[in-house]
Protein backbone atom coordinates (compact mmCIF):
# COMPACT_ATOMS: atom_id res chain seq x y z
CA MET A 1 -18.02 -233.45 10.79
CA ASP A 2 -17.79 -233.50 6.63
CA GLN A 3 -13.66 -234.78 6.43
CA GLN A 4 -13.58 -232.49 3.90
CA LYS A 5 -14.33 -229.51 6.40
CA GLN A 6 -12.01 -230.74 9.15
CA PRO A 7 -9.01 -229.01 10.40
CA ARG A 8 -5.48 -229.71 9.01
CA VAL A 9 -3.10 -230.05 12.29
CA VAL A 10 0.42 -230.51 11.34
CA VAL A 11 2.44 -232.05 14.59
CA ILE A 12 6.26 -231.27 13.78
CA GLY A 13 9.17 -233.02 16.58
CA GLY A 14 10.27 -236.37 17.61
CA GLY A 15 11.56 -238.14 20.60
CA THR A 16 9.03 -239.54 23.55
CA GLY A 17 6.66 -236.48 23.68
CA MET A 18 5.54 -236.97 20.15
CA PRO A 19 4.23 -240.16 20.20
CA VAL A 20 2.48 -238.84 23.60
CA LEU A 21 0.76 -236.35 21.63
CA LEU A 22 -0.16 -238.16 18.22
CA ARG A 23 -1.63 -240.68 20.38
CA GLY A 24 -4.60 -238.90 21.75
CA LEU A 25 -4.87 -236.66 18.47
CA LYS A 26 -5.51 -239.60 16.31
CA SER A 27 -8.99 -240.15 17.39
CA LEU A 28 -10.14 -236.34 16.79
CA PRO A 29 -12.19 -235.23 13.62
CA ILE A 30 -8.95 -234.05 12.12
CA HIS A 31 -6.49 -234.15 9.48
CA LEU A 32 -3.31 -234.88 11.01
CA THR A 33 0.37 -234.82 9.72
CA ALA A 34 3.53 -236.00 11.96
CA LEU A 35 6.45 -234.20 10.50
CA VAL A 36 9.70 -236.46 12.14
CA THR A 37 13.00 -235.73 12.80
CA VAL A 38 15.38 -238.17 10.79
CA ALA A 39 18.62 -236.87 13.37
CA ASP A 40 18.87 -239.47 16.16
CA ASP A 41 22.41 -241.25 15.96
CA GLY A 42 22.25 -243.17 18.82
CA GLY A 43 21.35 -247.35 19.53
CA SER A 44 19.88 -249.03 16.81
CA THR A 45 18.80 -246.17 14.78
CA GLY A 46 22.77 -245.26 14.73
CA ARG A 47 23.87 -248.53 13.77
CA LEU A 48 21.22 -248.24 11.14
CA ARG A 49 22.29 -245.36 9.36
CA SER A 50 25.78 -245.42 9.18
CA GLU A 51 25.17 -249.37 7.79
CA LEU A 52 22.74 -248.31 5.41
CA ALA A 53 23.22 -244.64 5.09
CA ILE A 54 19.80 -243.86 5.69
CA PRO A 55 17.45 -241.70 7.27
CA ALA A 56 17.16 -242.31 11.12
CA PRO A 57 14.35 -244.84 11.86
CA GLY A 58 13.84 -244.46 15.56
CA ASP A 59 11.47 -241.58 15.76
CA ILE A 60 9.80 -242.28 12.37
CA ARG A 61 9.13 -245.78 14.42
CA ASN A 62 7.32 -244.24 17.93
CA VAL A 63 5.32 -242.44 15.39
CA ILE A 64 4.01 -244.94 13.19
CA ALA A 65 3.68 -247.34 16.30
CA ALA A 66 1.35 -244.09 18.35
CA LEU A 67 -0.53 -243.69 15.22
CA SER A 68 -1.32 -247.50 14.46
CA ASP A 69 -4.68 -248.92 14.47
CA ALA A 70 -3.43 -252.12 14.07
CA GLU A 71 -4.02 -255.25 16.28
CA PRO A 72 -1.81 -254.82 19.66
CA MET A 73 0.39 -257.77 19.61
CA LEU A 74 1.02 -256.47 15.76
CA VAL A 75 2.38 -253.33 17.07
CA GLU A 76 4.08 -254.42 19.89
CA LEU A 77 5.95 -256.95 17.42
CA PHE A 78 6.95 -253.41 15.59
CA GLN A 79 7.98 -252.33 18.43
CA HIS A 80 10.29 -255.16 19.65
CA ARG A 81 14.06 -254.71 20.89
CA PHE A 82 16.14 -257.63 20.41
CA ALA A 83 17.94 -258.43 23.73
CA ALA A 84 20.45 -260.91 22.61
CA GLY A 85 21.82 -262.38 19.33
CA ASN A 86 25.66 -261.02 17.78
CA GLY A 87 24.32 -258.46 15.12
CA LEU A 88 20.66 -258.47 16.35
CA SER A 89 21.24 -257.13 20.18
CA GLY A 90 19.69 -253.63 20.76
CA HIS A 91 18.11 -253.46 17.38
CA SER A 92 14.19 -253.12 17.33
CA MET A 93 12.11 -254.71 14.62
CA GLY A 94 10.61 -251.67 13.73
CA ASN A 95 13.79 -250.20 12.61
CA LEU A 96 14.68 -253.15 11.04
CA LEU A 97 11.52 -253.65 8.82
CA LEU A 98 11.66 -249.62 7.72
CA ALA A 99 15.64 -250.01 7.04
CA ALA A 100 14.27 -253.34 4.78
CA MET A 101 11.60 -251.27 3.65
CA THR A 102 13.82 -248.30 2.33
CA SER A 103 16.09 -250.96 0.44
CA VAL A 104 12.94 -252.94 -1.29
CA THR A 105 11.22 -249.59 -2.61
CA GLY A 106 14.56 -247.72 -3.07
CA ASP A 107 13.11 -244.59 -1.02
CA PHE A 108 13.05 -244.11 2.58
CA TYR A 109 9.64 -241.91 2.23
CA THR A 110 8.03 -244.48 0.04
CA GLY A 111 9.09 -247.23 3.04
CA ILE A 112 7.03 -245.48 5.59
CA LYS A 113 4.08 -245.18 3.60
CA GLU A 114 4.26 -248.85 2.66
CA ILE A 115 4.68 -249.80 6.58
CA SER A 116 2.16 -247.33 7.45
CA ARG A 117 -0.59 -249.07 5.35
CA VAL A 118 0.11 -252.72 6.50
CA LEU A 119 0.05 -251.27 9.75
CA ASN A 120 -3.04 -249.22 9.19
CA VAL A 121 -1.84 -245.60 10.40
CA ARG A 122 -4.22 -242.70 10.76
CA GLY A 123 -3.03 -239.95 9.43
CA LYS A 124 0.29 -239.08 7.57
CA ILE A 125 4.02 -239.57 8.78
CA TYR A 126 6.52 -237.77 6.70
CA PRO A 127 10.41 -237.80 7.53
CA ILE A 128 11.12 -234.07 7.45
CA SER A 129 13.97 -234.41 5.29
CA ASN A 130 14.29 -237.76 3.12
CA GLU A 131 18.46 -237.34 3.08
CA SER A 132 20.55 -238.90 5.86
CA MET A 133 21.93 -235.80 8.31
CA SER A 134 24.19 -234.76 11.13
CA LEU A 135 23.15 -232.65 14.13
CA HIS A 136 26.25 -230.42 15.34
CA ALA A 137 25.70 -227.75 17.96
CA GLU A 138 27.86 -224.87 18.33
CA MET A 139 28.27 -224.30 22.94
CA ALA A 140 28.69 -221.26 24.54
CA ASP A 141 32.45 -221.36 24.80
CA GLY A 142 32.88 -221.80 21.11
CA SER A 143 33.70 -225.71 21.00
CA ILE A 144 31.64 -227.74 18.89
CA VAL A 145 29.82 -231.12 19.55
CA SER A 146 28.73 -233.41 16.96
CA GLY A 147 26.49 -235.96 16.66
CA GLU A 148 22.82 -235.78 18.34
CA SER A 149 23.82 -238.48 21.08
CA ASN A 150 26.83 -236.59 22.23
CA ILE A 151 25.03 -232.81 22.34
CA PRO A 152 23.39 -233.37 26.12
CA LEU A 153 26.59 -235.73 27.23
CA ALA A 154 29.01 -232.52 26.65
CA ASN A 155 27.16 -230.72 29.55
CA LYS A 156 27.34 -227.25 28.32
CA ARG A 157 25.44 -224.58 27.88
CA ILE A 158 24.24 -224.57 24.08
CA ARG A 159 24.17 -221.86 21.78
CA ARG A 160 22.95 -223.26 18.36
CA VAL A 161 22.29 -226.21 16.25
CA PHE A 162 23.08 -226.87 12.77
CA LEU A 163 23.10 -229.95 10.28
CA SER A 164 25.00 -230.91 7.82
CA PRO A 165 26.09 -231.90 4.67
CA GLN A 166 24.13 -228.72 3.31
CA PRO A 167 22.32 -227.99 1.93
CA ILE A 168 19.49 -230.21 3.24
CA LYS A 169 16.50 -230.73 1.34
CA PRO A 170 12.88 -231.00 3.02
CA LEU A 171 10.70 -233.30 2.08
CA PRO A 172 8.12 -231.23 -0.69
CA ASN A 173 5.27 -233.20 1.10
CA ALA A 174 6.81 -231.38 4.48
CA ILE A 175 6.72 -228.00 2.83
CA ARG A 176 3.00 -228.95 1.27
CA ALA A 177 1.45 -229.53 4.76
CA ILE A 178 2.79 -226.67 6.66
CA LYS A 179 1.67 -224.42 3.95
CA SER A 180 -2.09 -225.68 3.96
CA ALA A 181 -2.47 -226.52 7.87
CA ASP A 182 -4.63 -224.92 9.88
CA LEU A 183 -3.15 -225.51 13.38
CA ILE A 184 0.57 -226.35 13.56
CA VAL A 185 1.94 -227.98 16.88
CA VAL A 186 5.49 -228.02 17.89
CA SER A 187 5.20 -231.19 20.40
CA PRO A 188 7.27 -231.27 23.78
CA GLY A 189 10.67 -233.51 23.33
CA SER A 190 14.69 -232.81 23.72
CA LEU A 191 14.71 -228.83 22.24
CA TYR A 192 17.87 -228.66 20.72
CA THR A 193 18.16 -232.31 19.56
CA SER A 194 13.93 -233.12 19.13
CA ILE A 195 12.95 -230.51 18.08
CA LEU A 196 15.16 -227.63 16.18
CA PRO A 197 16.51 -230.49 14.13
CA ASN A 198 13.20 -230.21 12.18
CA LEU A 199 12.57 -226.37 12.46
CA ILE A 200 16.30 -225.23 10.75
CA ILE A 201 15.97 -227.38 7.89
CA PRO A 202 16.37 -224.81 5.04
CA ASN A 203 12.25 -223.71 3.59
CA ILE A 204 10.96 -225.67 6.80
CA ASP A 205 11.40 -222.42 8.55
CA ALA A 206 10.32 -219.96 6.02
CA ALA A 207 7.23 -222.27 5.33
CA ILE A 208 6.34 -221.88 8.96
CA ARG A 209 7.44 -218.24 9.51
CA GLU A 210 4.80 -217.49 6.66
CA SER A 211 2.08 -220.23 7.89
CA LYS A 212 -1.56 -218.75 8.00
CA ALA A 213 -1.61 -221.23 10.87
CA LYS A 214 -0.93 -220.40 14.06
CA VAL A 215 2.05 -222.41 15.41
CA MET A 216 1.44 -223.33 18.85
CA TYR A 217 4.75 -225.18 21.29
CA VAL A 218 3.66 -227.64 23.60
CA CYS A 219 6.76 -226.90 26.36
CA ASN A 220 8.25 -229.64 28.44
CA VAL A 221 7.59 -230.23 31.57
CA MET A 222 11.18 -230.24 33.05
CA THR A 223 14.40 -229.28 32.52
CA GLN A 224 16.69 -231.86 30.49
CA ALA A 225 20.80 -231.82 31.68
CA GLY A 226 22.92 -230.68 29.24
CA GLU A 227 20.02 -229.02 27.24
CA THR A 228 18.12 -226.57 28.98
CA THR A 229 19.55 -226.59 32.56
CA GLY A 230 18.12 -223.43 34.33
CA TYR A 231 15.35 -222.58 30.97
CA THR A 232 12.09 -221.11 31.89
CA ALA A 233 9.32 -221.93 29.64
CA SER A 234 10.45 -218.22 27.72
CA ASP A 235 13.52 -219.26 27.63
CA HIS A 236 12.62 -223.02 25.43
CA VAL A 237 10.44 -220.32 23.07
CA LYS A 238 13.62 -217.87 22.86
CA ALA A 239 15.89 -220.39 21.42
CA ILE A 240 13.22 -221.74 18.64
CA MET A 241 12.91 -217.90 17.75
CA ASP A 242 17.11 -217.39 17.96
CA HIS A 243 16.92 -220.26 15.29
CA ILE A 244 13.51 -219.67 12.90
CA GLY A 245 13.00 -216.18 13.63
CA GLU A 246 11.01 -213.94 15.97
CA GLY A 247 7.12 -214.05 15.30
CA CYS A 248 7.52 -218.04 14.25
CA VAL A 249 5.43 -219.19 17.66
CA ASP A 250 1.97 -217.87 18.35
CA GLY A 251 1.32 -219.61 21.59
CA ILE A 252 2.77 -221.78 24.11
CA VAL A 253 0.71 -224.95 26.31
CA VAL A 254 2.20 -225.06 29.84
CA HIS A 255 1.27 -227.11 32.39
CA ASN A 256 0.51 -225.44 35.42
CA GLU A 257 0.12 -227.44 38.50
CA PRO A 258 2.89 -227.98 41.06
CA ILE A 259 5.26 -231.09 40.66
CA LYS A 260 5.03 -233.75 43.62
CA GLN A 261 7.88 -233.75 46.14
CA ALA A 262 8.72 -237.59 45.51
CA LEU A 263 9.07 -236.97 41.77
CA ARG A 264 10.99 -233.91 41.90
CA ALA A 265 13.58 -236.01 43.90
CA VAL A 266 13.80 -238.32 41.01
CA TYR A 267 14.42 -235.85 38.14
CA ALA A 268 16.69 -233.91 40.96
CA GLU A 269 19.34 -236.91 40.67
CA GLU A 270 19.08 -236.30 36.50
CA ASN A 271 19.72 -232.52 37.42
CA ALA A 272 16.36 -231.54 35.84
CA GLU A 273 13.61 -229.83 37.49
CA PRO A 274 10.27 -228.19 36.94
CA VAL A 275 10.14 -225.92 33.65
CA ILE A 276 8.87 -222.49 35.44
CA TYR A 277 6.28 -219.88 34.00
CA ASP A 278 7.51 -217.51 33.29
CA THR A 279 3.82 -215.79 32.23
CA GLU A 280 4.72 -212.12 32.09
CA ARG A 281 8.08 -212.85 30.07
CA LEU A 282 5.67 -214.75 27.42
CA LEU A 283 3.03 -212.35 27.62
CA ASP A 284 5.97 -209.59 26.35
CA MET A 285 6.69 -211.82 23.81
CA GLY A 286 3.34 -211.44 22.44
CA LEU A 287 2.45 -214.87 23.11
CA GLU A 288 -0.88 -216.63 23.33
CA ILE A 289 -0.74 -219.04 27.06
CA ILE A 290 -2.80 -222.26 27.01
CA GLU A 291 -2.17 -223.78 30.65
CA GLY A 292 -3.81 -226.43 32.43
CA ASP A 293 -3.23 -230.00 33.99
CA ILE A 294 -1.77 -232.00 31.40
CA ILE A 295 0.41 -234.63 32.74
CA ASN A 296 -0.15 -238.17 33.67
CA HIS A 297 -0.18 -238.39 37.19
CA SER A 298 -0.85 -242.23 37.16
CA GLN A 299 3.16 -242.64 36.08
CA SER A 300 6.38 -242.62 38.09
CA THR A 301 7.52 -240.28 35.37
CA ILE A 302 6.53 -237.04 34.09
CA ARG A 303 5.00 -237.39 30.93
CA HIS A 304 2.06 -235.18 29.38
CA ASP A 305 -1.61 -236.85 29.96
CA THR A 306 -2.40 -238.30 26.29
CA ASN A 307 -6.43 -236.96 26.41
CA LYS A 308 -5.89 -233.67 28.07
CA ILE A 309 -3.41 -232.49 25.94
CA ALA A 310 -4.90 -233.95 22.87
CA LYS A 311 -8.45 -232.35 24.42
CA LEU A 312 -6.71 -228.44 25.04
CA ILE A 313 -5.34 -228.59 21.62
CA TYR A 314 -8.69 -229.64 19.68
CA SER A 315 -10.06 -226.39 22.01
CA ILE A 316 -7.69 -224.17 20.17
CA ILE A 317 -9.11 -225.18 16.77
CA GLU A 318 -12.69 -225.01 18.23
């Protein structure tokens, strides 16, 4: 396919679900752009954020690794996490490199761009914002919990999430990518702490609502304790619409095969269960439903299958 005519696919998200999606999409004949959350505050990322006042590098690091075509050993080095060392313990090499490159170039996004070049990344990677931000949740009981890593630990029903300090400026390139997209994919991941922090940034929400592209949400296969306990597929979409407006999602990608009992038992210990696909309510919401067996059955945890999900998403464009 002529490169000029290749469809423009924008993936928005963070957490563990996004790299799985991107690994499969990077080899397809598309212009691929990843818009990545920078609201994480746990572990190595949290320490670098507070010490250096930079946006969170952790999710960006995982996306760079997923889209890299560099030698496997180089990617392994980039993802290496130090197990020992007074100041280094818990830090990952990639996070330190992103922090160093931000210092060298004077700008977080420029740092990402330079490391992407060194690691031969396919597609473009944009942080959703170039600013450091904090995530807060208002719970159903009216209490406020601050910090991305603290929100699930509160184990309360979440009413809404919001960011500080306001106003947070989106990266202009992120807005441009959304406006010129042919397909926008909201990746699977922690709904309130990895996905929504991207969507609620001023002007990002409006760009998604006004985009001529089809917006597809890849639904989580399992619920997540402290975030989406008891949520059906339509509850996930409703949470997105409650935050950024009715009609902002055109369709949903769902896994439609039963989960093995042994795996269900493992997840039940973490108060997680398969997300119920309430088809009638999804159709009532006006959503296009794309379903298939889209998990990787060879793994001991439930993860979307890189190639299956990529093929399904590509079929939407075709």
